[in-house]
Amino acid sequence: MQTDTPNELIGVLAHETAHMAAGHLAQLREALRNAQILSVLAVLGGAAAAVAGGGGDAAAATALGGGQIARRSLLSYQRGQERSADRAAVTYLEKTGQSSEGMLKVFSRLADQQLFASRYGDPYVQSHPMAADRISQIEELARKSKYRDRKDPAALQLRHDMMRAKFIGFIESPQKVSRLYPAGSDALPARYAQAVLAYRVGSPAGALKQVDALIASDPSNPWLLELKGQILTETGKPGAAIAPLRRAVSLAPNAGYLQVMLGHAQVASGDDGELKDAIRNLTKGLADDPGTSLGYRQLAIAYARSGDIPLADLATAQGHFAAGDTKAARQYAARAQAKLKRGTPAWLRADDIISYKPPRL
């Protein structure tokens, strides 16, 4: 929501990709364990000092000093990882023919935010390098890039603007939405945000009228059709939502969320003739976008209405698992597995949930 251009967001993604490519999270866990060991040793050293006659004050000072050393060591390690990710991100952008100016703009904003906070702060107790230092490093690397002045394509910029308008329209206060996207503006993002706002403040008929006008302006945009489907589904007209959502899926067949939305509308319509297609859409949508917990609930309902209770239990288990409730997930998975044929894909999916053990942090 804070990025003005796709390039700024891409710069952030490049940085986070660098963390994953370098295995920084696993390395940080090891550094954290080492820091904990240092802290424990400091406490033991403090106890030894007390036994040796230094008293409680000596013990506390030794433990506190050791803890501070461990903390600073860990933070220094984190700052090193951040600098490494910054350098790798610039390399990724260079190799994909993209500018690193977006990264610079993001870090410039961070620098402005840190201006007063860091005035009296200790740079050695920060988990990230100071923004001004990061800017200097990136500027030095970016200066050599032949892609530094490359701009985002107009179509990509519009997609980015529409994405921001949708987020802001749904999340921010009505006053802020209207300030950022004034009513009466002809700009597509402003009209999109205003349509979302109209729906939020309780005017679904007005919102649908605005969305229909948007669709007429940009008929190949699947997310305008998705908004229409959402409004219709959530205002008790899921049957009417099927057609626009089916059109949205045809325009973006790899967007799992859209297929989940279509399956949801089909299930909510109450038309049993739609159940088979709903199961197909929900199954494919969840395969492409497994974090959409709404899809598992709808899939469970579809299977239950079709008379397949074991698969309904399995879908419920998967939904609980996606939501992080592993206890409920195991219960439903065990119930499903008891009725499924051993060794089948569904039985194995249930077994995966039952035998799951969370990773050690």
Protein backbone atom coordinates (compact mmCIF):
# COMPACT_ATOMS: atom_id res chain seq x y z
CA MET A 1 0.00 0.00 0.00
CA GLN A 2 2.96 2.33 0.50
CA THR A 3 4.62 1.64 -2.84
CA ASP A 4 3.89 4.12 -5.62
CA THR A 5 5.27 2.00 -8.45
CA PRO A 6 5.60 -1.71 -9.27
CA ASN A 7 9.37 -1.26 -9.29
CA GLU A 8 9.32 -0.28 -5.61
CA LEU A 9 7.38 -3.43 -4.71
CA ILE A 10 9.62 -5.55 -6.96
CA GLY A 11 12.65 -4.17 -5.12
CA VAL A 12 11.21 -5.33 -1.78
CA LEU A 13 10.44 -8.76 -3.28
CA ALA A 14 14.00 -8.99 -4.62
CA HIS A 15 15.33 -8.32 -1.11
CA GLU A 16 13.11 -10.96 0.50
CA THR A 17 13.95 -13.45 -2.27
CA ALA A 18 17.62 -12.93 -1.46
CA HIS A 19 16.96 -13.90 2.16
CA MET A 20 15.29 -17.14 1.04
CA ALA A 21 17.94 -17.96 -1.58
CA ALA A 22 20.72 -17.57 0.99
CA GLY A 23 18.96 -19.63 3.66
CA HIS A 24 19.08 -16.73 6.10
CA LEU A 25 16.17 -17.93 8.24
CA ALA A 26 17.84 -21.27 8.98
CA GLN A 27 21.13 -19.51 9.67
CA LEU A 28 19.38 -17.04 11.98
CA ARG A 29 17.89 -19.91 13.99
CA GLU A 30 21.42 -21.25 14.53
CA ALA A 31 22.66 -17.78 15.52
CA LEU A 32 19.74 -17.49 17.95
CA ARG A 33 20.67 -20.82 19.55
CA ASN A 34 24.26 -19.63 19.91
CA ALA A 35 23.06 -16.40 21.52
CA GLN A 36 20.93 -18.37 23.97
CA ILE A 37 23.96 -20.48 24.87
CA LEU A 38 25.96 -17.31 25.53
CA SER A 39 23.18 -16.02 27.79
CA VAL A 40 23.07 -19.29 29.74
CA LEU A 41 26.85 -19.25 30.14
CA ALA A 42 26.60 -15.67 31.42
CA VAL A 43 24.07 -16.74 34.04
CA LEU A 44 26.30 -19.64 35.09
CA GLY A 45 29.26 -17.27 35.21
CA GLY A 46 27.29 -14.97 37.45
CA ALA A 47 26.47 -17.86 39.77
CA ALA A 48 30.16 -18.80 39.87
CA ALA A 49 31.07 -15.22 40.73
CA ALA A 50 28.61 -15.25 43.60
CA VAL A 51 30.00 -18.54 44.92
CA ALA A 52 33.52 -17.13 44.67
CA GLY A 53 32.56 -14.32 47.01
CA GLY A 54 31.45 -11.61 44.62
CA GLY A 55 27.94 -11.57 46.01
CA GLY A 56 24.62 -10.99 44.29
CA ASP A 57 25.67 -7.71 42.64
CA ALA A 58 28.58 -9.40 40.89
CA ALA A 59 26.36 -12.24 39.75
CA ALA A 60 23.77 -9.85 38.32
CA ALA A 61 26.39 -7.73 36.58
CA THR A 62 28.04 -10.77 35.02
CA ALA A 63 24.73 -12.18 33.80
CA LEU A 64 23.55 -8.82 32.47
CA GLY A 65 26.81 -8.15 30.67
CA GLY A 66 26.82 -11.58 29.08
CA GLY A 67 23.22 -11.18 27.98
CA GLN A 68 24.02 -7.84 26.35
CA ILE A 69 26.96 -9.37 24.49
CA ALA A 70 24.74 -12.20 23.22
CA ARG A 71 22.04 -9.76 22.12
CA ARG A 72 24.47 -7.48 20.30
CA SER A 73 26.12 -10.43 18.63
CA LEU A 74 22.76 -11.66 17.30
CA LEU A 75 21.71 -8.20 16.09
CA SER A 76 25.06 -7.71 14.37
CA TYR A 77 24.51 -11.01 12.57
CA GLN A 78 21.04 -9.88 11.47
CA ARG A 79 22.40 -6.59 10.14
CA GLY A 80 24.97 -8.52 8.14
CA GLN A 81 22.22 -10.64 6.60
CA GLU A 82 20.26 -7.52 5.66
CA ARG A 83 23.26 -5.96 3.91
CA SER A 84 23.89 -9.21 2.06
CA ALA A 85 20.23 -9.34 0.94
CA ASP A 86 20.42 -5.74 -0.28
CA ARG A 87 23.46 -6.52 -2.44
CA ALA A 88 21.89 -9.70 -3.84
CA ALA A 89 18.64 -7.85 -4.59
CA VAL A 90 20.47 -5.32 -6.74
CA THR A 91 22.11 -8.22 -8.60
CA TYR A 92 18.74 -9.89 -9.19
CA LEU A 93 17.27 -6.65 -10.53
CA GLU A 94 20.25 -6.17 -12.84
CA LYS A 95 20.02 -9.71 -14.20
CA THR A 96 16.30 -9.33 -14.89
CA GLY A 97 16.75 -5.97 -16.61
CA GLN A 98 15.04 -3.89 -13.91
CA SER A 99 15.91 -0.68 -12.12
CA SER A 100 17.00 -0.55 -8.50
CA GLU A 101 15.54 2.96 -8.12
CA GLY A 102 12.45 1.47 -6.48
CA MET A 103 14.54 -0.03 -3.68
CA LEU A 104 16.21 3.33 -3.15
CA LYS A 105 12.86 5.08 -2.85
CA VAL A 106 11.59 2.54 -0.31
CA PHE A 107 14.72 2.91 1.82
CA SER A 108 14.51 6.69 1.52
CA ARG A 109 11.06 6.51 3.09
CA LEU A 110 12.46 4.30 5.85
CA ALA A 111 15.19 6.87 6.41
CA ASP A 112 12.59 9.62 6.84
CA GLN A 113 10.70 7.47 9.35
CA GLN A 114 13.90 6.77 11.29
CA LEU A 115 15.02 10.40 11.30
CA PHE A 116 13.71 11.21 14.76
CA ALA A 117 13.57 7.67 16.17
CA SER A 118 17.27 7.12 15.45
CA ARG A 119 18.43 10.52 16.70
CA TYR A 120 18.99 9.13 20.17
CA GLY A 121 19.12 5.45 19.18
CA ASP A 122 22.07 3.11 19.34
CA PRO A 123 22.80 1.71 15.85
CA TYR A 124 24.31 -1.39 17.46
CA VAL A 125 21.01 -2.51 18.99
CA GLN A 126 19.07 -2.42 15.70
CA SER A 127 18.08 -5.58 13.81
CA HIS A 128 18.46 -3.78 10.46
CA PRO A 129 21.18 -1.41 9.25
CA MET A 130 20.28 2.26 9.47
CA ALA A 131 18.35 3.25 6.35
CA ALA A 132 20.87 5.96 5.41
CA ASP A 133 23.66 3.35 5.35
CA ARG A 134 21.57 1.05 3.17
CA ILE A 135 20.87 3.88 0.73
CA SER A 136 24.58 4.60 0.38
CA GLN A 137 25.36 0.95 -0.35
CA ILE A 138 22.54 0.52 -2.88
CA GLU A 139 23.32 3.83 -4.61
CA GLU A 140 26.91 2.76 -5.10
CA LEU A 141 25.80 -0.55 -6.64
CA ALA A 142 22.95 0.95 -8.66
CA ARG A 143 25.12 3.65 -10.18
CA LYS A 144 26.81 1.00 -12.32
CA SER A 145 23.55 -0.45 -13.68
CA LYS A 146 22.54 0.24 -17.26
CA TYR A 147 18.90 -0.28 -16.22
CA ARG A 148 18.82 2.42 -13.54
CA ASP A 149 16.54 4.76 -15.52
CA ARG A 150 14.21 2.05 -16.82
CA LYS A 151 10.54 2.78 -16.05
CA ASP A 152 7.68 0.38 -15.40
CA PRO A 153 5.45 -0.35 -18.42
CA ALA A 154 2.18 1.62 -18.36
CA ALA A 155 0.05 -1.54 -18.16
CA LEU A 156 1.99 -2.81 -15.13
CA GLN A 157 1.75 0.60 -13.44
CA LEU A 158 -2.03 0.55 -13.91
CA ARG A 159 -2.26 -2.94 -12.39
CA HIS A 160 -0.27 -1.69 -9.42
CA ASP A 161 -2.49 1.38 -9.04
CA MET A 162 -5.61 -0.78 -9.18
CA MET A 163 -4.19 -3.15 -6.56
CA ARG A 164 -3.50 -0.23 -4.20
CA ALA A 165 -6.95 1.21 -4.82
CA LYS A 166 -8.54 -2.11 -3.88
CA PHE A 167 -6.53 -2.48 -0.67
CA ILE A 168 -7.14 1.10 0.39
CA GLY A 169 -10.81 0.93 -0.55
CA PHE A 170 -11.38 -2.11 1.66
CA ILE A 171 -9.06 -1.31 4.56
CA GLU A 172 -8.84 2.44 5.16
CA SER A 173 -11.45 4.73 6.66
CA PRO A 174 -14.10 6.16 4.32
CA GLN A 175 -12.65 9.62 4.89
CA LYS A 176 -9.17 8.55 3.82
CA VAL A 177 -10.48 6.64 0.80
CA SER A 178 -12.40 9.70 -0.36
CA ARG A 179 -9.37 11.93 0.19
CA LEU A 180 -7.04 9.69 -1.82
CA TYR A 181 -9.63 8.76 -4.46
CA PRO A 182 -12.10 11.66 -4.83
CA ALA A 183 -15.62 10.93 -6.04
CA GLY A 184 -16.17 12.13 -9.58
CA SER A 185 -12.64 11.33 -10.74
CA ASP A 186 -12.43 9.68 -14.17
CA ALA A 187 -9.29 7.70 -13.23
CA LEU A 188 -9.90 3.94 -13.19
CA PRO A 189 -8.23 3.36 -9.77
CA ALA A 190 -10.32 6.13 -8.19
CA ARG A 191 -13.54 4.68 -9.62
CA TYR A 192 -12.49 1.22 -8.36
CA ALA A 193 -11.85 2.49 -4.83
CA GLN A 194 -15.14 4.40 -4.83
CA ALA A 195 -17.05 1.26 -5.90
CA VAL A 196 -15.47 -0.69 -3.05
CA LEU A 197 -16.28 2.12 -0.63
CA ALA A 198 -19.91 2.24 -1.79
CA TYR A 199 -20.21 -1.47 -1.02
CA ARG A 200 -18.55 -1.06 2.37
CA VAL A 201 -20.82 1.77 3.52
CA GLY A 202 -23.98 -0.19 2.71
CA SER A 203 -24.94 0.71 -0.83
CA PRO A 204 -24.61 -2.56 -2.78
CA ALA A 205 -26.95 -1.39 -5.54
CA GLY A 206 -24.89 1.76 -6.05
CA ALA A 207 -21.69 -0.27 -5.88
CA LEU A 208 -22.92 -2.71 -8.53
CA LYS A 209 -23.85 0.19 -10.81
CA GLN A 210 -20.31 1.58 -10.45
CA VAL A 211 -18.74 -1.84 -11.01
CA ASP A 212 -20.79 -2.41 -14.16
CA ALA A 213 -19.52 0.92 -15.49
CA LEU A 214 -15.96 -0.14 -14.66
CA ILE A 215 -16.42 -3.46 -16.46
CA ALA A 216 -17.71 -1.60 -19.50
CA SER A 217 -14.52 0.51 -19.42
CA ASP A 218 -12.20 -2.47 -18.99
CA PRO A 219 -14.05 -5.70 -19.93
CA SER A 220 -10.94 -7.90 -19.92
CA ASN A 221 -10.08 -7.15 -16.27
CA PRO A 222 -10.98 -10.28 -14.23
CA TRP A 223 -10.74 -8.47 -10.89
CA LEU A 224 -13.57 -6.09 -11.74
CA LEU A 225 -15.72 -9.15 -12.44
CA GLU A 226 -14.46 -10.66 -9.17
CA LEU A 227 -15.65 -7.59 -7.24
CA LYS A 228 -19.09 -7.88 -8.84
CA GLY A 229 -19.21 -11.57 -7.91
CA GLN A 230 -18.16 -10.80 -4.34
CA ILE A 231 -20.84 -8.15 -3.90
CA LEU A 232 -23.56 -10.41 -5.30
CA THR A 233 -22.47 -13.43 -3.23
CA GLU A 234 -22.19 -11.51 0.02
CA THR A 235 -25.54 -9.76 -0.45
CA GLY A 236 -27.46 -12.99 -0.85
CA LYS A 237 -27.44 -13.35 -4.64
CA PRO A 238 -24.82 -16.07 -5.23
CA GLY A 239 -26.66 -17.50 -8.24
CA ALA A 240 -26.28 -14.17 -10.04
CA ALA A 241 -22.58 -14.13 -9.11
CA ILE A 242 -21.78 -17.34 -11.01
CA ALA A 243 -21.74 -15.78 -14.49
CA PRO A 244 -19.35 -12.88 -13.76
CA LEU A 245 -17.08 -15.14 -11.70
CA ARG A 246 -17.04 -17.77 -14.46
CA ARG A 247 -16.02 -15.02 -16.89
CA ALA A 248 -13.30 -13.88 -14.46
CA VAL A 249 -11.89 -17.43 -14.28
CA SER A 250 -11.85 -17.66 -18.08
CA LEU A 251 -9.77 -14.45 -18.19
CA ALA A 252 -7.36 -15.57 -15.43
CA PRO A 253 -7.41 -19.40 -15.37
CA ASN A 254 -4.36 -19.68 -13.11
CA ALA A 255 -5.69 -17.41 -10.36
CA GLY A 256 -6.70 -19.93 -7.71
CA TYR A 257 -8.57 -17.36 -5.64
CA LEU A 258 -10.97 -16.66 -8.52
CA GLN A 259 -11.81 -20.34 -8.86
CA VAL A 260 -12.42 -20.55 -5.13
CA MET A 261 -14.77 -17.56 -5.38
CA LEU A 262 -16.62 -19.22 -8.27
CA GLY A 263 -16.92 -22.50 -6.34
CA HIS A 264 -18.18 -20.58 -3.30
CA ALA A 265 -20.92 -18.90 -5.35
CA GLN A 266 -21.91 -22.24 -6.88
CA VAL A 267 -22.22 -23.91 -3.46
CA ALA A 268 -24.03 -20.93 -1.92
CA SER A 269 -26.52 -20.84 -4.80
CA GLY A 270 -28.18 -23.98 -3.41
CA ASP A 271 -28.36 -25.50 -6.90
CA ASP A 272 -27.27 -29.14 -6.60
CA GLY A 273 -26.67 -29.16 -10.34
CA GLU A 274 -23.70 -26.86 -9.69
CA LEU A 275 -22.08 -29.11 -7.05
CA LYS A 276 -19.91 -31.23 -9.36
CA ASP A 277 -18.49 -28.15 -11.08
CA ALA A 278 -18.12 -26.41 -7.71
CA ILE A 279 -16.01 -29.29 -6.38
CA ARG A 280 -13.84 -29.16 -9.48
CA ASN A 281 -13.37 -25.38 -9.20
CA LEU A 282 -12.69 -25.45 -5.47
CA THR A 283 -10.22 -28.34 -5.78
CA LYS A 284 -8.23 -26.65 -8.55
CA GLY A 285 -8.44 -23.25 -6.89
CA LEU A 286 -7.10 -24.59 -3.60
CA ALA A 287 -4.31 -26.43 -5.43
CA ASP A 288 -3.20 -23.09 -6.91
CA ASP A 289 -3.91 -21.04 -3.77
CA PRO A 290 -3.85 -23.39 -0.75
CA GLY A 291 -4.02 -20.60 1.82
CA THR A 292 -7.62 -19.67 0.99
CA SER A 293 -9.36 -21.15 4.04
CA LEU A 294 -12.81 -20.14 2.73
CA GLY A 295 -12.35 -22.68 -0.07
CA TYR A 296 -11.94 -25.62 2.29
CA ARG A 297 -15.17 -24.79 4.11
CA GLN A 298 -17.07 -24.55 0.84
CA LEU A 299 -15.47 -27.77 -0.43
CA ALA A 300 -16.54 -29.56 2.76
CA ILE A 301 -20.12 -28.33 2.29
CA ALA A 302 -20.10 -29.42 -1.36
CA TYR A 303 -18.86 -32.92 -0.51
CA ALA A 304 -21.36 -33.25 2.35
CA ARG A 305 -24.26 -32.24 0.13
CA SER A 306 -23.01 -34.74 -2.45
CA GLY A 307 -23.08 -37.47 0.22
CA ASP A 308 -19.30 -37.96 0.44
CA ILE A 309 -18.78 -37.50 4.19
CA PRO A 310 -15.15 -38.79 4.36
CA LEU A 311 -13.99 -36.21 1.80
CA ALA A 312 -16.06 -33.56 3.60
CA ASP A 313 -14.17 -34.41 6.81
CA LEU A 314 -10.87 -34.29 4.94
CA ALA A 315 -11.65 -30.85 3.47
CA THR A 316 -12.57 -29.65 6.96
CA ALA A 317 -9.27 -31.01 8.27
CA GLN A 318 -7.37 -29.21 5.52
CA GLY A 319 -9.17 -25.98 6.35
CA HIS A 320 -8.24 -26.21 10.04
CA PHE A 321 -4.66 -27.07 9.05
CA ALA A 322 -4.43 -24.04 6.73
CA ALA A 323 -5.74 -21.86 9.59
CA GLY A 324 -3.06 -23.23 11.96
CA ASP A 325 -5.41 -25.29 14.18
CA THR A 326 -3.47 -28.56 14.00
CA LYS A 327 -5.38 -30.18 16.87
CA ALA A 328 -8.77 -29.86 15.13
CA ALA A 329 -7.12 -30.75 11.80
CA ARG A 330 -5.84 -34.04 13.22
CA GLN A 331 -9.26 -34.90 14.67
CA TYR A 332 -11.07 -34.44 11.37
CA ALA A 333 -8.25 -36.11 9.41
CA ALA A 334 -8.43 -39.18 11.66
CA ARG A 335 -12.19 -39.33 11.22
CA ALA A 336 -11.80 -39.07 7.44
CA GLN A 337 -8.98 -41.62 7.26
CA ALA A 338 -11.02 -44.20 9.13
CA LYS A 339 -13.54 -44.21 6.26
CA LEU A 340 -11.12 -43.87 3.34
CA LYS A 341 -9.42 -46.68 1.45
CA ARG A 342 -5.89 -47.15 2.67
CA GLY A 343 -3.20 -45.88 0.29
CA THR A 344 -5.49 -43.69 -1.82
CA PRO A 345 -4.46 -40.02 -2.41
CA ALA A 346 -7.16 -38.83 0.00
CA TRP A 347 -6.04 -41.33 2.69
CA LEU A 348 -2.44 -40.14 2.26
CA ARG A 349 -3.44 -36.48 2.57
CA ALA A 350 -5.22 -37.32 5.81
CA ASP A 351 -2.17 -39.25 7.00
CA ASP A 352 0.08 -36.26 6.27
CA ILE A 353 -2.05 -34.11 8.58
CA ILE A 354 -2.21 -36.74 11.32
CA SER A 355 1.56 -37.29 11.32
CA TYR A 356 2.49 -33.61 10.95
CA LYS A 357 4.99 -32.26 13.47
CA PRO A 358 5.59 -28.48 13.58
CA PRO A 359 9.20 -27.43 12.88
CA ARG A 360 11.40 -26.60 15.82
CA LEU A 361 12.20 -22.89 16.04
